Amino acid sequence: QTMQVDIPVYLNSVFGLITWYLQQLVFPSEIVLAKTMLPQTSGFLLKVVILVLAVILAFVYFRRRWRGNPVLFGLLWFLSGFIPLFAVALIFSYGGFMVEPHWFFYSSIGFFIMVGFFAEYLFLAAKSFWPKTLVTLACLSCFYALFSVTQIYNGIWRTQKSYCQHWVSVSPHHYFPNFWLADPGRRE
């Protein structure tokens, strides 16, 4: 069975997958091996406006600072990682549009290059305004939050059954978690 989608629905759905991935980078709450999404038919105009504004802001910012700019380097790595998604989002179209987060290897590198330089900028700027103890406390709080999320996910990833149940709750239209969920159930 194939999906018949027009270009705005296709682009809207791919942007929806990219948005999901970006949410997982900042607030990891639905980390799964693969995410499927039904075709997105609403919100296309808003996403186009946001994309155009982001391109304009990036152009204005980097117009004079493009030589040797590590943030631009990170941004280009980040954006280049999304290019293959436009070709492979429909590779397994039985559950809708699909993305596997490990496809975004280059995007992750670019994202963390930008985060590193942004964190360095904030740390240097904060040192002159706030006490060093407050900056250190803020950094430790961020690390603790990420550590806590990791501990939660260790419980989810502990067994194949618990992981597949989580995966089905995040991506109910995907075929693989239901298939793999049947395997440990068969052995019980």
C-alpha atoms as a PDB file:
ATOM      1  CA  GLN A   1       0.000   0.000   0.000  1.00  0.00           C
ATOM      2  CA  THR A   2       1.398   3.370  -0.980  1.00  0.00           C
ATOM      3  CA  MET A   3       0.588   6.816   0.315  1.00  0.00           C
ATOM      4  CA  GLN A   4      -0.555   9.486  -2.094  1.00  0.00           C
ATOM      5  CA  VAL A   5       0.667  12.832  -0.765  1.00  0.00           C
ATOM      6  CA  ASP A   6       1.150  16.174  -2.434  1.00  0.00           C
ATOM      7  CA  ILE A   7       4.266  18.325  -2.011  1.00  0.00           C
ATOM      8  CA  PRO A   8       2.940  20.592   0.809  1.00  0.00           C
ATOM      9  CA  VAL A   9       1.853  17.562   2.866  1.00  0.00           C
ATOM     10  CA  TYR A  10       5.185  15.851   2.164  1.00  0.00           C
ATOM     11  CA  LEU A  11       7.234  18.903   3.209  1.00  0.00           C
ATOM     12  CA  ASN A  12       4.991  19.535   6.213  1.00  0.00           C
ATOM     13  CA  SER A  13       5.430  15.939   7.371  1.00  0.00           C
ATOM     14  CA  VAL A  14       9.213  16.011   6.918  1.00  0.00           C
ATOM     15  CA  PHE A  15       9.384  19.296   8.853  1.00  0.00           C
ATOM     16  CA  GLY A  16       7.254  17.603  11.536  1.00  0.00           C
ATOM     17  CA  LEU A  17       9.842  14.815  11.817  1.00  0.00           C
ATOM     18  CA  ILE A  18      12.660  17.371  12.019  1.00  0.00           C
ATOM     19  CA  THR A  19      10.745  19.240  14.735  1.00  0.00           C
ATOM     20  CA  TRP A  20      10.321  15.986  16.663  1.00  0.00           C
ATOM     21  CA  TYR A  21      14.071  15.323  16.423  1.00  0.00           C
ATOM     22  CA  LEU A  22      14.899  18.853  17.612  1.00  0.00           C
ATOM     23  CA  GLN A  23      12.583  18.387  20.591  1.00  0.00           C
ATOM     24  CA  GLN A  24      14.447  15.192  21.485  1.00  0.00           C
ATOM     25  CA  LEU A  25      17.780  17.025  21.391  1.00  0.00           C
ATOM     26  CA  VAL A  26      16.578  19.663  23.850  1.00  0.00           C
ATOM     27  CA  PHE A  27      13.974  17.755  25.915  1.00  0.00           C
ATOM     28  CA  PRO A  28      14.605  14.013  25.506  1.00  0.00           C
ATOM     29  CA  SER A  29      11.239  12.446  26.258  1.00  0.00           C
ATOM     30  CA  GLU A  30      10.391  10.174  23.320  1.00  0.00           C
ATOM     31  CA  ILE A  31      13.685   8.569  22.376  1.00  0.00           C
ATOM     32  CA  VAL A  32      13.010   5.539  20.192  1.00  0.00           C
ATOM     33  CA  LEU A  33      14.805   3.624  17.452  1.00  0.00           C
ATOM     34  CA  ALA A  34      12.440   4.903  14.762  1.00  0.00           C
ATOM     35  CA  LYS A  35       9.523   7.323  14.758  1.00  0.00           C
ATOM     36  CA  THR A  36       6.644   7.216  12.317  1.00  0.00           C
ATOM     37  CA  MET A  37       4.265  10.049  11.715  1.00  0.00           C
ATOM     38  CA  LEU A  38       1.052  10.095   9.719  1.00  0.00           C
ATOM     39  CA  PRO A  39       0.924  12.704   6.941  1.00  0.00           C
ATOM     40  CA  GLN A  40       0.626  16.182   8.452  1.00  0.00           C
ATOM     41  CA  THR A  41      -1.997  18.259   6.670  1.00  0.00           C
ATOM     42  CA  SER A  42      -2.169  21.322   8.931  1.00  0.00           C
ATOM     43  CA  GLY A  43       0.322  23.946  10.039  1.00  0.00           C
ATOM     44  CA  PHE A  44       2.298  24.099   6.783  1.00  0.00           C
ATOM     45  CA  LEU A  45       2.105  27.886   6.407  1.00  0.00           C
ATOM     46  CA  LEU A  46       3.355  28.474   9.956  1.00  0.00           C
ATOM     47  CA  LYS A  47       6.338  26.168   9.400  1.00  0.00           C
ATOM     48  CA  VAL A  48       7.206  27.936   6.138  1.00  0.00           C
ATOM     49  CA  VAL A  49       7.067  31.341   7.852  1.00  0.00           C
ATOM     50  CA  ILE A  50       9.300  30.117  10.700  1.00  0.00           C
ATOM     51  CA  LEU A  51      11.745  28.581   8.207  1.00  0.00           C
ATOM     52  CA  VAL A  52      11.920  31.778   6.129  1.00  0.00           C
ATOM     53  CA  LEU A  53      12.475  33.897   9.257  1.00  0.00           C
ATOM     54  CA  ALA A  54      15.219  31.523  10.441  1.00  0.00           C
ATOM     55  CA  VAL A  55      16.977  31.723   7.058  1.00  0.00           C
ATOM     56  CA  ILE A  56      16.743  35.539   7.060  1.00  0.00           C
ATOM     57  CA  LEU A  57      18.110  35.771  10.622  1.00  0.00           C
ATOM     58  CA  ALA A  58      20.940  33.367   9.810  1.00  0.00           C
ATOM     59  CA  PHE A  59      21.802  35.345   6.665  1.00  0.00           C
ATOM     60  CA  VAL A  60      21.839  38.651   8.570  1.00  0.00           C
ATOM     61  CA  TYR A  61      23.929  37.190  11.388  1.00  0.00           C
ATOM     62  CA  PHE A  62      26.489  35.389   9.205  1.00  0.00           C
ATOM     63  CA  ARG A  63      26.685  37.940   6.387  1.00  0.00           C
ATOM     64  CA  ARG A  64      29.676  39.680   7.951  1.00  0.00           C
ATOM     65  CA  ARG A  65      30.983  36.894  10.167  1.00  0.00           C
ATOM     66  CA  TRP A  66      31.240  33.917   7.865  1.00  0.00           C
ATOM     67  CA  ARG A  67      35.027  33.452   7.705  1.00  0.00           C
ATOM     68  CA  GLY A  68      36.353  31.120  10.390  1.00  0.00           C
ATOM     69  CA  ASN A  69      33.109  31.214  12.331  1.00  0.00           C
ATOM     70  CA  PRO A  70      32.762  27.982  14.347  1.00  0.00           C
ATOM     71  CA  VAL A  71      29.037  28.575  14.934  1.00  0.00           C
ATOM     72  CA  LEU A  72      28.463  28.755  11.178  1.00  0.00           C
ATOM     73  CA  PHE A  73      30.509  25.578  10.804  1.00  0.00           C
ATOM     74  CA  GLY A  74      28.275  23.874  13.379  1.00  0.00           C
ATOM     75  CA  LEU A  75      25.130  25.240  11.725  1.00  0.00           C
ATOM     76  CA  LEU A  76      26.182  23.914   8.314  1.00  0.00           C
ATOM     77  CA  TRP A  77      26.889  20.459   9.793  1.00  0.00           C
ATOM     78  CA  PHE A  78      23.559  20.624  11.586  1.00  0.00           C
ATOM     79  CA  LEU A  79      21.584  21.493   8.456  1.00  0.00           C
ATOM     80  CA  SER A  80      23.476  19.117   6.160  1.00  0.00           C
ATOM     81  CA  GLY A  81      22.397  16.197   8.317  1.00  0.00           C
ATOM     82  CA  PHE A  82      18.745  16.803   7.429  1.00  0.00           C
ATOM     83  CA  ILE A  83      19.231  16.600   3.653  1.00  0.00           C
ATOM     84  CA  PRO A  84      18.962  12.781   3.439  1.00  0.00           C
ATOM     85  CA  LEU A  85      15.674  12.851   5.356  1.00  0.00           C
ATOM     86  CA  PHE A  86      13.912  14.416   2.386  1.00  0.00           C
ATOM     87  CA  ALA A  87      14.820  11.348   0.320  1.00  0.00           C
ATOM     88  CA  VAL A  88      14.314   8.563   2.853  1.00  0.00           C
ATOM     89  CA  ALA A  89      11.305   9.700   4.941  1.00  0.00           C
ATOM     90  CA  LEU A  90       9.062   7.459   2.849  1.00  0.00           C
ATOM     91  CA  ILE A  91      11.402   4.470   2.575  1.00  0.00           C
ATOM     92  CA  PHE A  92       9.036   2.395   4.737  1.00  0.00           C
ATOM     93  CA  SER A  93       5.732   4.095   4.056  1.00  0.00           C
ATOM     94  CA  TYR A  94       3.477   1.459   5.634  1.00  0.00           C
ATOM     95  CA  GLY A  95       3.302   3.406   8.908  1.00  0.00           C
ATOM     96  CA  GLY A  96       3.541   6.929   7.549  1.00  0.00           C
ATOM     97  CA  PHE A  97       6.611   9.092   7.300  1.00  0.00           C
ATOM     98  CA  MET A  98       9.551   7.597   9.177  1.00  0.00           C
ATOM     99  CA  VAL A  99      12.719   8.869  10.767  1.00  0.00           C
ATOM    100  CA  GLU A 100      15.431   7.076  12.654  1.00  0.00           C
ATOM    101  CA  PRO A 101      17.394   9.420  14.938  1.00  0.00           C
ATOM    102  CA  HIS A 102      20.727   7.763  14.098  1.00  0.00           C
ATOM    103  CA  TRP A 103      20.297   9.142  10.560  1.00  0.00           C
ATOM    104  CA  PHE A 104      21.087  12.559  12.067  1.00  0.00           C
ATOM    105  CA  PHE A 105      24.691  11.857  12.977  1.00  0.00           C
ATOM    106  CA  TYR A 106      25.971  15.025  11.280  1.00  0.00           C
ATOM    107  CA  SER A 107      23.085  17.081  12.655  1.00  0.00           C
ATOM    108  CA  SER A 108      23.949  15.957  16.181  1.00  0.00           C
ATOM    109  CA  ILE A 109      27.603  16.903  15.701  1.00  0.00           C
ATOM    110  CA  GLY A 110      26.611  20.333  14.396  1.00  0.00           C
ATOM    111  CA  PHE A 111      24.106  20.837  17.198  1.00  0.00           C
ATOM    112  CA  PHE A 112      26.638  20.076  19.902  1.00  0.00           C
ATOM    113  CA  ILE A 113      29.297  22.263  18.242  1.00  0.00           C
ATOM    114  CA  MET A 114      26.820  25.139  18.429  1.00  0.00           C
ATOM    115  CA  VAL A 115      25.805  24.246  22.010  1.00  0.00           C
ATOM    116  CA  GLY A 116      29.457  24.139  23.044  1.00  0.00           C
ATOM    117  CA  PHE A 117      30.210  27.580  21.651  1.00  0.00           C
ATOM    118  CA  PHE A 118      26.962  28.981  23.053  1.00  0.00           C
ATOM    119  CA  ALA A 119      27.774  27.533  26.484  1.00  0.00           C
ATOM    120  CA  GLU A 120      31.285  28.990  26.333  1.00  0.00           C
ATOM    121  CA  TYR A 121      29.841  32.387  25.400  1.00  0.00           C
ATOM    122  CA  LEU A 122      27.328  32.234  28.269  1.00  0.00           C
ATOM    123  CA  PHE A 123      29.988  31.095  30.721  1.00  0.00           C
ATOM    124  CA  LEU A 124      32.354  33.921  29.767  1.00  0.00           C
ATOM    125  CA  ALA A 125      29.549  36.499  29.791  1.00  0.00           C
ATOM    126  CA  ALA A 126      28.164  35.197  33.084  1.00  0.00           C
ATOM    127  CA  LYS A 127      31.567  35.296  34.801  1.00  0.00           C
ATOM    128  CA  SER A 128      31.598  39.066  34.551  1.00  0.00           C
ATOM    129  CA  PHE A 129      28.021  39.499  35.840  1.00  0.00           C
ATOM    130  CA  TRP A 130      27.382  36.658  38.303  1.00  0.00           C
ATOM    131  CA  PRO A 131      29.485  34.925  40.896  1.00  0.00           C
ATOM    132  CA  LYS A 132      31.376  31.870  39.731  1.00  0.00           C
ATOM    133  CA  THR A 133      29.476  29.733  42.249  1.00  0.00           C
ATOM    134  CA  LEU A 134      26.140  30.605  40.633  1.00  0.00           C
ATOM    135  CA  VAL A 135      27.415  29.725  37.149  1.00  0.00           C
ATOM    136  CA  THR A 136      28.836  26.437  38.442  1.00  0.00           C
ATOM    137  CA  LEU A 137      25.546  25.655  40.181  1.00  0.00           C
ATOM    138  CA  ALA A 138      23.616  26.288  36.943  1.00  0.00           C
ATOM    139  CA  CYS A 139      25.941  23.936  35.030  1.00  0.00           C
ATOM    140  CA  LEU A 140      25.617  21.234  37.672  1.00  0.00           C
ATOM    141  CA  SER A 141      21.823  21.583  37.592  1.00  0.00           C
ATOM    142  CA  CYS A 142      21.842  21.021  33.825  1.00  0.00           C
ATOM    143  CA  PHE A 143      24.041  17.937  34.205  1.00  0.00           C
ATOM    144  CA  TYR A 144      21.801  16.606  36.986  1.00  0.00           C
ATOM    145  CA  ALA A 145      18.697  17.034  34.799  1.00  0.00           C
ATOM    146  CA  LEU A 146      20.326  15.092  31.965  1.00  0.00           C
ATOM    147  CA  PHE A 147      21.542  12.419  34.394  1.00  0.00           C
ATOM    148  CA  SER A 148      17.983  12.054  35.741  1.00  0.00           C
ATOM    149  CA  VAL A 149      16.582  11.565  32.237  1.00  0.00           C
ATOM    150  CA  THR A 150      19.227   8.908  31.620  1.00  0.00           C
ATOM    151  CA  GLN A 151      18.214   7.076  34.790  1.00  0.00           C
ATOM    152  CA  ILE A 152      14.558   7.123  33.720  1.00  0.00           C
ATOM    153  CA  TYR A 153      15.460   5.731  30.304  1.00  0.00           C
ATOM    154  CA  ASN A 154      17.598   2.996  31.840  1.00  0.00           C
ATOM    155  CA  GLY A 155      14.381   1.654  33.358  1.00  0.00           C
ATOM    156  CA  ILE A 156      12.606   1.841  30.003  1.00  0.00           C
ATOM    157  CA  TRP A 157      15.492   0.206  28.109  1.00  0.00           C
ATOM    158  CA  ARG A 158      16.002  -2.514  30.719  1.00  0.00           C
ATOM    159  CA  THR A 159      14.069  -5.184  28.814  1.00  0.00           C
ATOM    160  CA  GLN A 160      12.921  -5.648  25.251  1.00  0.00           C
ATOM    161  CA  LYS A 161       9.317  -5.741  26.403  1.00  0.00           C
ATOM    162  CA  SER A 162       9.438  -2.474  28.384  1.00  0.00           C
ATOM    163  CA  TYR A 163      11.279  -0.713  25.542  1.00  0.00           C
ATOM    164  CA  CYS A 164       8.829  -1.918  22.901  1.00  0.00           C
ATOM    165  CA  GLN A 165       5.870  -0.879  25.058  1.00  0.00           C
ATOM    166  CA  HIS A 166       7.402   2.595  25.331  1.00  0.00           C
ATOM    167  CA  TRP A 167       8.082   2.639  21.590  1.00  0.00           C
ATOM    168  CA  VAL A 168       4.453   1.741  20.808  1.00  0.00           C
ATOM    169  CA  SER A 169       3.285   4.596  23.058  1.00  0.00           C
ATOM    170  CA  VAL A 170       5.538   7.045  21.173  1.00  0.00           C
ATOM    171  CA  SER A 171       5.002   5.716  17.652  1.00  0.00           C
ATOM    172  CA  PRO A 172       1.838   3.598  17.538  1.00  0.00           C
ATOM    173  CA  HIS A 173       1.796   3.283  13.732  1.00  0.00           C
ATOM    174  CA  HIS A 174       5.253   1.749  13.464  1.00  0.00           C
ATOM    175  CA  TYR A 175       5.442  -1.939  12.569  1.00  0.00           C
ATOM    176  CA  PHE A 176       8.701  -2.955  14.299  1.00  0.00           C
ATOM    177  CA  PRO A 177       7.832  -2.441  17.996  1.00  0.00           C
ATOM    178  CA  ASN A 178       4.668  -4.496  17.635  1.00  0.00           C
ATOM    179  CA  PHE A 179       6.632  -7.225  15.885  1.00  0.00           C
ATOM    180  CA  TRP A 180       9.380  -7.225  18.524  1.00  0.00           C
ATOM    181  CA  LEU A 181       6.851  -6.980  21.342  1.00  0.00           C
ATOM    182  CA  ALA A 182       5.419 -10.303  20.240  1.00  0.00           C
ATOM    183  CA  ASP A 183       8.824 -12.020  20.592  1.00  0.00           C
ATOM    184  CA  PRO A 184       9.258 -11.750  24.382  1.00  0.00           C
ATOM    185  CA  GLY A 185       5.524 -12.382  24.792  1.00  0.00           C
ATOM    186  CA  ARG A 186       5.935 -15.640  22.903  1.00  0.00           C
ATOM    187  CA  ARG A 187       8.684 -16.755  25.300  1.00  0.00           C
ATOM    188  CA  GLU A 188       6.685 -16.008  28.466  1.00  0.00           C
END
